[in-house]
Every structure is written in C-alpha cells, then in structure tokens.
C-alpha cells in the first residue's frame, strides 16, 4: 500500500500545475433533499449487499435494508423531477448512449475486481502459487493495459467510441469465458492468453466511455455526468466483489465467477449495439 502515496502526490502536483478552473455560471444551491435521499438509498443498498455474504441472504435485515434502499432511491427520483436545480438530472438517463456508457464503466470495474481478487485467489488456492508469484503472474493482465491505453486514446478520435467499446466488450466476453474454462484445467499457460487479451481490451471500455459520457450531455450537465460515471465505477467494484464473493461462497468454484462476467459482457454488448451512436468524424481529426 505504500506504493500508492508517492504516486498520488505526483499526480496531485501535476493537476495543481495544469488545472484551469472552468467559467462558472450562476451560483447553484445544494439540493439537500435529493442528497439525503441519494445517500440513504445508495448507502442502504450497498451496505446490505456487502453484508449479505456474512449475514446470509436469508437474513431479514438484509432484505429490509434493500427494500428501504430502493424506496429511498425511488424517492430520490421523485424529488429530482420536482427540483429546479436537481442534484442529478434523472432525465439524462433518457439518452441510451449516456446510460450505456455508464453501464460499460460499471461492467469494466465489476470485471476488474472479479479478475484481480479471484484470479489471484485461484492462483494461490488451486495452483499453489505464493502471493508474490501470483501477483507477478497477473502482470499479464495489467502490463498490456498500460501499453494499449495510448493507442486506444488516439483511436477514439479516428474510429469513434462505438467500434472500440463493442470490440472491447466482445473480447471481454470471450476472454472471460476462456478464463472460466481454463480454471477447470488448472493450468496457468492455458490461462495466459485470456489474461493478455483482457488487459489489451480493458482501455477500450474505459477511455471511450469516460470521454463520451461527457459528450452526450450539455456543458452545464458535465459535473453531474462526471459524478454519475464515478458512482457507476465505484458501484461496479462494490457489487462485483459482493456478487462474486457470494457466488464463490455458495459454489466453492471459480469458473462460475468468470462465467458470470462473460454473460454480463455479452448482454452489455447487445445493449450497446442498439444504443451507441455511429461515429461522426470530428473536424480536424486525423
């Protein structure tokens, strides 16, 4: 964990040097009722989902918290529709592209947690790797991400988000299905191609989605759009850890965990195929 503070400090200094405060329009009053309803709703839902593996899904309190959370979430929607300056303009989700990009961000983080936690556990528990060796073995999924991030960012302007996101989702689905099959053979060499493919396509989900979730809204809504995309990412990790942890605790097997990501990736691919706009060349793009 001590690796993180120096990196954070460097990034903070770069941001401090490069930041340019955007022009602001009229002062916006904080939507206190909406904020309270949102915090209560998400807080109860996330808490219930996180505690369910320990308390058991048959525990009445889990379902009471889930029900209350969804009630507050519904109340939040009603409150926001009546506010002149809502915390979140729920009508943003009327855009299929906006909703799909956030779903892709959710899925990407869901898959990250799935892979980094449970693949590491698999390498240690099943293949008998030491913790350090398991971490080194998983570099096959992280190093390709670093390498492919730069050309992916440049490719967004050339081919558009639709092509990259759909390609990334297709490879996600195939790679996750491959991993689900490979773990049953207990061979790292069989696992390796899928880890590399997953790492290569990972930026194809995040780079276009994080950019175009902003481009699908008007400039005055970009603060809200950024908050929504960050929430989608955080929820993806939380829900991914909880759902996959529950699945493993129930089955004692690793392949259903990765098989679930394959199914979710395929479903997201089908949705994005229908909703993501076709590319229109940006003026001046090469």
Protein backbone atom coordinates (compact mmCIF):
# COMPACT_ATOMS: atom_id res chain seq x y z
CA UNK A 1 0.00 0.00 0.00
CA UNK A 2 2.98 2.31 0.44
CA UNK A 3 3.36 2.30 -3.35
CA UNK A 4 0.28 4.50 -3.62
CA UNK A 5 1.13 7.69 -1.66
CA UNK A 6 4.09 8.78 -3.85
CA UNK A 7 2.02 8.22 -7.00
CA UNK A 8 -0.90 10.20 -5.58
CA UNK A 9 1.40 13.06 -4.57
CA UNK A 10 2.92 13.27 -8.04
CA UNK A 11 -0.50 13.24 -9.72
CA UNK A 12 -1.79 15.89 -7.30
CA UNK A 13 1.18 18.16 -8.11
CA UNK A 14 0.63 17.71 -11.85
CA UNK A 15 -3.06 18.53 -11.50
CA UNK A 16 -2.27 21.56 -9.36
CA UNK A 17 0.12 22.85 -12.03
CA UNK A 18 -2.16 22.12 -15.01
CA UNK A 19 -5.61 22.87 -13.60
CA UNK A 20 -7.64 25.59 -15.25
CA UNK A 21 -10.87 26.44 -13.46
CA UNK A 22 -13.75 26.47 -15.97
CA UNK A 23 -16.03 29.51 -16.11
CA UNK A 24 -18.98 29.22 -13.78
CA UNK A 25 -22.49 30.45 -14.36
CA UNK A 26 -24.95 31.41 -11.64
CA UNK A 27 -24.42 30.02 -8.17
CA UNK A 28 -26.14 26.68 -7.67
CA UNK A 29 -27.85 25.82 -4.40
CA UNK A 30 -27.14 22.39 -3.00
CA UNK A 31 -30.08 20.04 -3.41
CA UNK A 32 -30.23 18.90 0.22
CA UNK A 33 -33.39 16.71 -0.02
CA UNK A 34 -32.03 14.96 -3.10
CA UNK A 35 -28.63 14.50 -1.49
CA UNK A 36 -30.12 12.95 1.65
CA UNK A 37 -32.38 10.60 -0.35
CA UNK A 38 -29.47 9.53 -2.58
CA UNK A 39 -27.08 8.90 0.31
CA UNK A 40 -29.72 6.97 2.23
CA UNK A 41 -30.74 4.89 -0.77
CA UNK A 42 -27.27 4.00 -2.04
CA UNK A 43 -25.94 3.62 1.49
CA UNK A 44 -28.56 1.05 2.48
CA UNK A 45 -28.33 -0.88 -0.78
CA UNK A 46 -24.53 -1.06 -0.76
CA UNK A 47 -24.40 -1.91 2.95
CA UNK A 48 -26.95 -4.69 2.53
CA UNK A 49 -25.17 -6.15 -0.49
CA UNK A 50 -21.79 -6.00 1.23
CA UNK A 51 -23.05 -7.61 4.44
CA UNK A 52 -25.19 -10.28 2.81
CA UNK A 53 -22.33 -12.79 2.37
CA UNK A 54 -21.56 -12.57 6.13
CA UNK A 55 -25.11 -12.33 7.44
CA UNK A 56 -26.62 -14.65 4.83
CA UNK A 57 -29.11 -13.79 2.11
CA UNK A 58 -31.87 -15.31 4.24
CA UNK A 59 -31.31 -12.70 6.95
CA UNK A 60 -34.40 -10.49 7.25
CA UNK A 61 -32.35 -7.37 7.94
CA UNK A 62 -30.60 -7.70 4.56
CA UNK A 63 -33.93 -7.60 2.74
CA UNK A 64 -35.30 -4.80 4.93
CA UNK A 65 -32.24 -2.68 4.13
CA UNK A 66 -32.51 -3.49 0.41
CA UNK A 67 -36.20 -2.63 0.36
CA UNK A 68 -35.64 0.62 2.26
CA UNK A 69 -32.73 1.49 -0.03
CA UNK A 70 -34.84 1.08 -3.15
CA UNK A 71 -37.65 3.10 -1.56
CA UNK A 72 -35.23 5.98 -0.92
CA UNK A 73 -33.84 5.58 -4.44
CA UNK A 74 -37.37 5.93 -5.83
CA UNK A 75 -37.95 8.91 -3.56
CA UNK A 76 -34.75 10.45 -4.90
CA UNK A 77 -36.06 10.20 -8.47
CA UNK A 78 -39.34 11.84 -7.46
CA UNK A 79 -37.54 14.64 -5.62
CA UNK A 80 -35.19 15.31 -8.52
CA UNK A 81 -38.02 15.59 -11.02
CA UNK A 82 -39.57 18.37 -8.94
CA UNK A 83 -36.41 20.40 -8.31
CA UNK A 84 -35.46 23.38 -10.46
CA UNK A 85 -31.77 22.71 -9.72
CA UNK A 86 -31.57 18.95 -9.08
CA UNK A 87 -28.51 17.21 -7.73
CA UNK A 88 -28.80 14.81 -10.67
CA UNK A 89 -30.96 15.41 -13.68
CA UNK A 90 -32.55 11.96 -13.97
CA UNK A 91 -33.67 12.80 -17.49
CA UNK A 92 -30.03 12.29 -18.52
CA UNK A 93 -30.78 8.57 -18.45
CA UNK A 94 -33.32 9.03 -21.23
CA UNK A 95 -30.28 9.02 -23.51
CA UNK A 96 -29.48 5.43 -24.45
CA UNK A 97 -25.86 6.34 -25.13
CA UNK A 98 -25.41 8.02 -21.73
CA UNK A 99 -26.93 5.05 -19.92
CA UNK A 100 -24.90 2.55 -21.94
CA UNK A 101 -21.59 4.29 -21.39
CA UNK A 102 -22.21 4.28 -17.63
CA UNK A 103 -23.17 0.62 -17.78
CA UNK A 104 -19.89 -0.12 -19.60
CA UNK A 105 -17.97 1.71 -16.86
CA UNK A 106 -19.87 -0.31 -14.24
CA UNK A 107 -19.08 -3.57 -16.03
CA UNK A 108 -15.42 -2.68 -16.50
CA UNK A 109 -14.93 -2.13 -12.78
CA UNK A 110 -17.03 -5.20 -11.98
CA UNK A 111 -14.66 -7.25 -14.14
CA UNK A 112 -11.53 -5.66 -12.66
CA UNK A 113 -12.48 -6.65 -9.14
CA UNK A 114 -13.51 -10.06 -10.40
CA UNK A 115 -10.15 -10.68 -12.05
CA UNK A 116 -7.72 -9.10 -9.60
CA UNK A 117 -9.28 -10.64 -6.49
CA UNK A 118 -10.46 -14.04 -7.61
CA UNK A 119 -7.77 -14.82 -10.19
CA UNK A 120 -5.18 -14.05 -7.50
CA UNK A 121 -7.05 -16.30 -5.08
CA UNK A 122 -7.26 -19.04 -7.72
CA UNK A 123 -3.53 -18.91 -8.44
CA UNK A 124 -2.77 -19.32 -4.74
CA UNK A 125 -5.51 -21.71 -3.62
CA UNK A 126 -5.62 -24.01 -6.64
CA UNK A 127 -2.25 -23.69 -8.39
CA UNK A 128 -0.36 -23.26 -5.13
CA UNK A 129 1.46 -20.05 -6.08
CA UNK A 130 2.96 -17.86 -3.37
CA UNK A 131 1.27 -14.46 -3.01
CA UNK A 132 4.16 -12.62 -4.69
CA UNK A 133 4.29 -15.08 -7.58
CA UNK A 134 0.53 -14.82 -8.06
CA UNK A 135 0.88 -11.04 -8.29
CA UNK A 136 3.65 -11.36 -10.87
CA UNK A 137 1.56 -13.85 -12.85
CA UNK A 138 -1.29 -11.32 -13.01
CA UNK A 139 1.01 -8.75 -14.60
CA UNK A 140 -0.02 -10.47 -17.82
CA UNK A 141 -3.37 -8.67 -17.45
CA UNK A 142 -2.07 -5.27 -16.30
CA UNK A 143 1.02 -4.61 -18.45
CA UNK A 144 -0.97 -4.92 -21.73
CA UNK A 145 -3.41 -2.32 -20.36
CA UNK A 146 -0.62 0.21 -19.91
CA UNK A 147 0.68 -0.49 -23.40
CA UNK A 148 -2.69 -0.37 -25.18
CA UNK A 149 -4.00 2.70 -23.35
CA UNK A 150 -2.12 5.20 -25.51
CA UNK A 151 -3.13 3.86 -28.94
CA UNK A 152 -6.68 3.36 -27.67
CA UNK A 153 -6.95 7.01 -26.66
CA UNK A 154 -5.71 8.10 -30.07
CA UNK A 155 -8.03 5.68 -31.85
CA UNK A 156 -11.15 7.17 -30.26
CA UNK A 157 -10.86 10.24 -32.49
CA UNK A 158 -10.22 8.14 -35.60
CA UNK A 159 -12.83 5.40 -35.37
CA UNK A 160 -15.19 6.62 -32.65
CA UNK A 161 -16.32 5.13 -29.36
CA UNK A 162 -18.81 2.63 -30.77
CA UNK A 163 -16.22 0.49 -32.55
CA UNK A 164 -13.83 0.45 -29.61
CA UNK A 165 -16.46 -0.22 -26.94
CA UNK A 166 -18.10 -3.03 -28.92
CA UNK A 167 -14.70 -4.57 -29.67
CA UNK A 168 -13.72 -4.32 -26.02
CA UNK A 169 -16.96 -5.92 -24.85
CA UNK A 170 -16.65 -8.75 -27.37
CA UNK A 171 -13.09 -9.51 -26.25
CA UNK A 172 -14.17 -9.19 -22.59
CA UNK A 173 -16.85 -11.80 -23.16
CA UNK A 174 -14.53 -14.20 -24.97
CA UNK A 175 -11.62 -13.70 -22.55
CA UNK A 176 -13.86 -14.18 -19.51
CA UNK A 177 -15.40 -17.32 -21.00
CA UNK A 178 -11.89 -18.57 -21.78
CA UNK A 179 -10.81 -17.96 -18.18
CA UNK A 180 -13.91 -19.76 -16.89
CA UNK A 181 -12.94 -22.80 -18.94
CA UNK A 182 -9.20 -22.55 -18.29
CA UNK A 183 -9.51 -22.55 -14.49
CA UNK A 184 -11.06 -26.02 -14.65
CA UNK A 185 -7.86 -27.35 -16.26
CA UNK A 186 -5.62 -25.87 -13.53
CA UNK A 187 -3.02 -24.56 -15.99
CA UNK A 188 -1.57 -21.05 -15.96
CA UNK A 189 -0.31 -21.40 -19.52
CA UNK A 190 -3.87 -22.03 -20.68
CA UNK A 191 -4.99 -19.00 -18.68
CA UNK A 192 -2.28 -16.70 -20.03
CA UNK A 193 -3.73 -15.80 -23.49
CA UNK A 194 -7.04 -14.74 -21.94
CA UNK A 195 -5.29 -12.57 -19.34
CA UNK A 196 -3.33 -10.79 -22.07
CA UNK A 197 -6.43 -10.30 -24.23
CA UNK A 198 -8.37 -8.94 -21.26
CA UNK A 199 -5.59 -6.49 -20.49
CA UNK A 200 -5.35 -5.25 -24.07
CA UNK A 201 -9.07 -4.55 -24.40
CA UNK A 202 -9.54 -3.01 -20.94
CA UNK A 203 -8.82 0.59 -22.11
CA UNK A 204 -11.31 0.11 -24.95
CA UNK A 205 -14.07 0.16 -22.37
CA UNK A 206 -12.91 2.97 -20.12
CA UNK A 207 -11.25 5.51 -22.43
CA UNK A 208 -14.16 5.98 -24.87
CA UNK A 209 -16.86 5.69 -22.20
CA UNK A 210 -15.33 8.18 -19.78
CA UNK A 211 -14.90 10.66 -22.62
CA UNK A 212 -18.25 10.30 -24.31
CA UNK A 213 -20.32 10.13 -21.16
CA UNK A 214 -19.43 13.84 -21.10
CA UNK A 215 -20.05 14.41 -24.79
CA UNK A 216 -23.61 13.06 -24.56
CA UNK A 217 -24.66 15.90 -22.23
CA UNK A 218 -24.68 19.68 -22.48
CA UNK A 219 -21.72 21.54 -20.90
CA UNK A 220 -23.76 22.63 -17.88
CA UNK A 221 -24.54 18.97 -17.07
CA UNK A 222 -20.97 17.68 -17.23
CA UNK A 223 -20.43 17.99 -13.49
CA UNK A 224 -23.40 15.71 -12.92
CA UNK A 225 -22.26 13.36 -15.68
CA UNK A 226 -18.82 13.06 -14.10
CA UNK A 227 -20.34 12.29 -10.71
CA UNK A 228 -22.63 9.65 -12.21
CA UNK A 229 -19.81 7.92 -14.07
CA UNK A 230 -17.65 7.86 -10.93
CA UNK A 231 -20.56 6.42 -8.95
CA UNK A 232 -21.07 3.76 -11.64
CA UNK A 233 -17.41 2.82 -11.37
CA UNK A 234 -17.44 2.61 -7.56
CA UNK A 235 -20.68 0.61 -7.55
CA UNK A 236 -19.23 -1.75 -10.16
CA UNK A 237 -16.38 -2.64 -7.83
CA UNK A 238 -18.60 -2.96 -4.76
CA UNK A 239 -21.29 -5.03 -6.45
CA UNK A 240 -18.68 -7.10 -8.29
CA UNK A 241 -16.89 -8.03 -5.09
CA UNK A 242 -20.12 -8.85 -3.28
CA UNK A 243 -21.84 -10.82 -6.02
CA UNK A 244 -18.75 -12.80 -6.97
CA UNK A 245 -17.87 -13.37 -3.32
CA UNK A 246 -21.35 -14.72 -2.70
CA UNK A 247 -21.15 -16.89 -5.79
CA UNK A 248 -17.84 -18.38 -4.67
CA UNK A 249 -19.05 -18.88 -1.11
CA UNK A 250 -22.11 -20.70 -2.47
CA UNK A 251 -20.41 -22.91 -5.06
CA UNK A 252 -16.79 -23.15 -3.90
CA UNK A 253 -15.81 -22.91 -7.58
CA UNK A 254 -14.02 -20.25 -9.59
CA UNK A 255 -15.40 -20.87 -13.07
CA UNK A 256 -18.94 -19.53 -12.33
CA UNK A 257 -17.40 -16.21 -11.27
CA UNK A 258 -15.67 -15.66 -14.59
CA UNK A 259 -18.58 -17.17 -16.48
CA UNK A 260 -20.85 -14.52 -14.94
CA UNK A 261 -18.63 -11.73 -16.32
CA UNK A 262 -18.75 -13.37 -19.75
CA UNK A 263 -22.56 -13.36 -19.66
CA UNK A 264 -22.76 -9.77 -18.43
CA UNK A 265 -20.26 -8.66 -21.09
CA UNK A 266 -22.32 -10.31 -23.80
CA UNK A 267 -25.51 -8.70 -22.53
CA UNK A 268 -23.87 -5.27 -22.38
CA UNK A 269 -22.53 -5.79 -25.90
CA UNK A 270 -26.04 -6.44 -27.20
CA UNK A 271 -27.39 -3.34 -25.46
CA UNK A 272 -24.57 -1.12 -26.73
CA UNK A 273 -25.00 -2.46 -30.26
CA UNK A 274 -28.50 -0.99 -30.21
CA UNK A 275 -27.87 2.25 -28.34
CA UNK A 276 -24.40 3.60 -29.08
CA UNK A 277 -24.34 6.16 -31.92
CA UNK A 278 -22.36 5.54 -35.09
CA UNK A 279 -19.20 7.56 -35.45
CA UNK A 280 -19.19 11.02 -36.96
CA UNK A 281 -15.70 12.26 -37.74
CA UNK A 282 -14.54 15.06 -35.50
CA UNK A 283 -13.49 18.11 -37.52
CA UNK A 284 -9.71 18.16 -37.83
CA UNK A 285 -9.30 14.55 -36.64
CA UNK A 286 -6.59 12.65 -38.47
